Amino acid sequence: MKADLGPGASGPALRKAAKRLIGFEIQAGPFAVAELRLGAAFKDHGAELESDDLRLYLTDTLANPFVEQTQLAA
């Protein structure tokens, strides 16, 4: 891309790509590492991201959505 459009084109293109990227993680540690590494990688390549540009979520996507949740007594 830099060869075709010049060095200033990679930042905006990567920022657009970041808005299409969605990541899911079940554990807090790897989630934090992924967030830091992705932010650093985009910044190293000239893409200044805002706080809501990276859509990373800490969630269990493999859990059964039909299982009834148990409630603890208050």
N, C-alpha and C. Protein backbone atom coordinates (compact mmCIF):
# COMPACT_ATOMS: atom_id res chain seq x y z
N MET A 1 0.83 -1.18 0.00
CA MET A 1 0.00 0.00 0.00
C MET A 1 0.88 1.25 0.00
N LYS A 2 1.94 1.23 0.79
CA LYS A 2 2.81 2.41 0.84
C LYS A 2 3.43 2.69 -0.52
N ALA A 3 3.77 1.63 -1.27
CA ALA A 3 4.38 1.82 -2.59
C ALA A 3 3.39 2.41 -3.58
N ASP A 4 2.13 2.01 -3.48
CA ASP A 4 1.12 2.49 -4.43
C ASP A 4 0.57 3.86 -4.07
N LEU A 5 0.25 4.06 -2.80
CA LEU A 5 -0.45 5.27 -2.39
C LEU A 5 0.39 6.24 -1.56
N GLY A 6 1.58 5.83 -1.17
CA GLY A 6 2.44 6.68 -0.36
C GLY A 6 2.37 6.31 1.11
N PRO A 7 3.35 6.78 1.89
CA PRO A 7 3.42 6.39 3.31
C PRO A 7 2.28 6.91 4.17
N GLY A 8 1.64 7.98 3.75
CA GLY A 8 0.55 8.54 4.55
C GLY A 8 -0.76 7.81 4.40
N ALA A 9 -0.84 6.86 3.49
CA ALA A 9 -2.11 6.16 3.24
C ALA A 9 -2.34 4.99 4.19
N SER A 10 -1.29 4.47 4.79
CA SER A 10 -1.46 3.25 5.60
C SER A 10 -2.22 3.53 6.90
N GLY A 11 -2.00 4.66 7.53
CA GLY A 11 -2.69 4.97 8.79
C GLY A 11 -4.21 4.99 8.65
N PRO A 12 -4.76 5.79 7.73
CA PRO A 12 -6.21 5.81 7.56
C PRO A 12 -6.79 4.47 7.11
N ALA A 13 -6.06 3.74 6.27
CA ALA A 13 -6.55 2.43 5.82
C ALA A 13 -6.59 1.45 6.98
N LEU A 14 -5.58 1.47 7.83
CA LEU A 14 -5.57 0.58 9.00
C LEU A 14 -6.66 0.96 10.00
N ARG A 15 -6.93 2.23 10.12
CA ARG A 15 -8.00 2.66 11.03
C ARG A 15 -9.35 2.15 10.54
N LYS A 16 -9.57 2.19 9.24
CA LYS A 16 -10.81 1.62 8.68
C LYS A 16 -10.86 0.11 8.91
N ALA A 17 -9.72 -0.56 8.77
CA ALA A 17 -9.67 -2.01 9.00
C ALA A 17 -9.94 -2.34 10.46
N ALA A 18 -9.47 -1.52 11.37
CA ALA A 18 -9.68 -1.76 12.80
C ALA A 18 -11.16 -1.72 13.15
N LYS A 19 -11.93 -0.90 12.45
CA LYS A 19 -13.37 -0.82 12.73
C LYS A 19 -14.11 -2.08 12.27
N ARG A 20 -13.49 -2.86 11.38
CA ARG A 20 -14.10 -4.10 10.92
C ARG A 20 -13.63 -5.31 11.72
N LEU A 21 -12.66 -5.12 12.58
CA LEU A 21 -12.09 -6.20 13.37
C LEU A 21 -12.87 -6.37 14.67
N ILE A 22 -13.28 -7.61 14.97
CA ILE A 22 -13.98 -7.90 16.21
C ILE A 22 -13.27 -9.07 16.87
N GLY A 23 -12.93 -8.93 18.16
CA GLY A 23 -12.24 -9.99 18.88
C GLY A 23 -12.96 -10.37 20.15
N PHE A 24 -12.93 -11.67 20.45
CA PHE A 24 -13.56 -12.20 21.65
C PHE A 24 -12.54 -13.00 22.44
N GLU A 25 -12.55 -12.84 23.75
CA GLU A 25 -11.66 -13.61 24.62
C GLU A 25 -12.41 -13.98 25.88
N ILE A 26 -12.13 -15.18 26.40
CA ILE A 26 -12.82 -15.66 27.60
C ILE A 26 -12.04 -15.32 28.87
N GLN A 27 -10.72 -15.14 28.77
CA GLN A 27 -9.91 -14.88 29.95
C GLN A 27 -9.43 -13.43 29.96
N ALA A 28 -9.36 -12.87 31.16
CA ALA A 28 -9.00 -11.45 31.30
C ALA A 28 -7.54 -11.17 30.93
N GLY A 29 -6.64 -12.08 31.27
CA GLY A 29 -5.22 -11.87 30.98
C GLY A 29 -4.94 -11.77 29.48
N PRO A 30 -5.31 -12.79 28.71
CA PRO A 30 -5.10 -12.71 27.26
C PRO A 30 -5.85 -11.56 26.61
N PHE A 31 -7.00 -11.20 27.16
CA PHE A 31 -7.76 -10.05 26.64
C PHE A 31 -6.94 -8.78 26.77
N ALA A 32 -6.36 -8.56 27.94
CA ALA A 32 -5.56 -7.35 28.17
C ALA A 32 -4.33 -7.33 27.27
N VAL A 33 -3.68 -8.48 27.12
CA VAL A 33 -2.51 -8.56 26.26
C VAL A 33 -2.88 -8.27 24.81
N ALA A 34 -3.99 -8.84 24.35
CA ALA A 34 -4.43 -8.60 22.97
C ALA A 34 -4.74 -7.13 22.74
N GLU A 35 -5.39 -6.51 23.70
CA GLU A 35 -5.72 -5.09 23.56
C GLU A 35 -4.46 -4.24 23.48
N LEU A 36 -3.48 -4.53 24.34
CA LEU A 36 -2.23 -3.77 24.32
C LEU A 36 -1.45 -3.99 23.03
N ARG A 37 -1.35 -5.26 22.60
CA ARG A 37 -0.58 -5.57 21.40
C ARG A 37 -1.23 -4.99 20.14
N LEU A 38 -2.54 -5.11 20.04
CA LEU A 38 -3.21 -4.55 18.86
C LEU A 38 -3.07 -3.03 18.83
N GLY A 39 -3.25 -2.39 19.97
CA GLY A 39 -3.10 -0.94 20.02
C GLY A 39 -1.70 -0.50 19.63
N ALA A 40 -0.69 -1.22 20.12
CA ALA A 40 0.70 -0.88 19.79
C ALA A 40 1.00 -1.14 18.31
N ALA A 41 0.48 -2.24 17.77
CA ALA A 41 0.73 -2.57 16.37
C ALA A 41 0.11 -1.52 15.44
N PHE A 42 -1.12 -1.12 15.73
CA PHE A 42 -1.75 -0.10 14.90
C PHE A 42 -1.00 1.23 15.01
N LYS A 43 -0.57 1.58 16.21
CA LYS A 43 0.15 2.84 16.41
C LYS A 43 1.50 2.81 15.69
N ASP A 44 2.19 1.66 15.74
CA ASP A 44 3.48 1.53 15.05
C ASP A 44 3.36 1.72 13.54
N HIS A 45 2.21 1.40 13.00
CA HIS A 45 2.00 1.53 11.56
C HIS A 45 1.27 2.82 11.18
N GLY A 46 1.18 3.75 12.11
CA GLY A 46 0.64 5.06 11.81
C GLY A 46 -0.85 5.22 11.93
N ALA A 47 -1.53 4.27 12.56
CA ALA A 47 -2.98 4.37 12.73
C ALA A 47 -3.28 4.78 14.16
N GLU A 48 -3.66 6.02 14.36
CA GLU A 48 -4.04 6.50 15.68
C GLU A 48 -5.50 6.13 15.93
N LEU A 49 -5.72 5.20 16.85
CA LEU A 49 -7.07 4.71 17.12
C LEU A 49 -7.69 5.45 18.30
N GLU A 50 -9.00 5.59 18.24
CA GLU A 50 -9.74 6.14 19.38
C GLU A 50 -10.19 4.98 20.25
N SER A 51 -10.73 5.28 21.42
CA SER A 51 -11.04 4.25 22.39
C SER A 51 -12.06 3.23 21.90
N ASP A 52 -12.96 3.63 21.02
CA ASP A 52 -13.99 2.69 20.57
C ASP A 52 -13.69 2.07 19.20
N ASP A 53 -12.51 2.31 18.65
CA ASP A 53 -12.17 1.74 17.34
C ASP A 53 -11.90 0.24 17.41
N LEU A 54 -11.25 -0.22 18.46
CA LEU A 54 -11.00 -1.65 18.63
C LEU A 54 -12.18 -2.29 19.34
N ARG A 55 -12.82 -3.22 18.68
CA ARG A 55 -13.98 -3.88 19.28
C ARG A 55 -13.53 -5.23 19.83
N LEU A 56 -13.00 -5.20 21.03
CA LEU A 56 -12.57 -6.41 21.72
C LEU A 56 -13.49 -6.63 22.91
N TYR A 57 -13.92 -7.87 23.08
CA TYR A 57 -14.90 -8.18 24.12
C TYR A 57 -14.41 -9.33 24.99
N LEU A 58 -14.62 -9.19 26.28
CA LEU A 58 -14.33 -10.24 27.24
C LEU A 58 -15.63 -11.00 27.47
N THR A 59 -15.74 -12.18 26.85
CA THR A 59 -16.99 -12.92 26.89
C THR A 59 -16.75 -14.40 26.65
N ASP A 60 -17.70 -15.22 27.05
CA ASP A 60 -17.64 -16.66 26.82
C ASP A 60 -18.58 -16.99 25.66
N THR A 61 -18.05 -17.05 24.46
CA THR A 61 -18.89 -17.32 23.29
C THR A 61 -19.18 -18.80 23.12
N LEU A 62 -18.53 -19.66 23.90
CA LEU A 62 -18.75 -21.09 23.77
C LEU A 62 -19.79 -21.62 24.76
N ALA A 63 -20.22 -20.80 25.69
CA ALA A 63 -21.19 -21.24 26.69
C ALA A 63 -22.56 -21.47 26.04
N ASN A 64 -23.32 -22.36 26.63
CA ASN A 64 -24.66 -22.67 26.14
C ASN A 64 -25.60 -21.52 26.52
N PRO A 65 -26.19 -20.83 25.56
CA PRO A 65 -27.06 -19.69 25.88
C PRO A 65 -28.41 -20.10 26.46
N PHE A 66 -28.73 -21.39 26.41
CA PHE A 66 -30.03 -21.85 26.88
C PHE A 66 -30.01 -22.39 28.31
N VAL A 67 -28.84 -22.41 28.94
CA VAL A 67 -28.73 -22.87 30.32
C VAL A 67 -29.25 -21.78 31.24
N GLU A 68 -30.10 -22.16 32.17
CA GLU A 68 -30.66 -21.19 33.12
C GLU A 68 -29.60 -20.83 34.15
N GLN A 69 -29.43 -19.55 34.40
CA GLN A 69 -28.45 -19.07 35.36
C GLN A 69 -28.95 -19.27 36.78
N THR A 70 -28.09 -19.73 37.66
CA THR A 70 -28.47 -19.86 39.07
C THR A 70 -28.19 -18.55 39.77
N GLN A 71 -29.09 -18.16 40.66
CA GLN A 71 -28.95 -16.91 41.39
C GLN A 71 -28.56 -17.22 42.83
N LEU A 72 -27.62 -16.47 43.35
CA LEU A 72 -27.22 -16.61 44.74
C LEU A 72 -28.17 -15.79 45.60
N ALA A 73 -28.47 -16.32 46.78
CA ALA A 73 -29.37 -15.59 47.69
C ALA A 73 -28.68 -14.32 48.18
N ALA A 74 -29.45 -13.25 48.29
CA ALA A 74 -28.88 -11.97 48.72
C ALA A 74 -28.92 -11.83 50.22
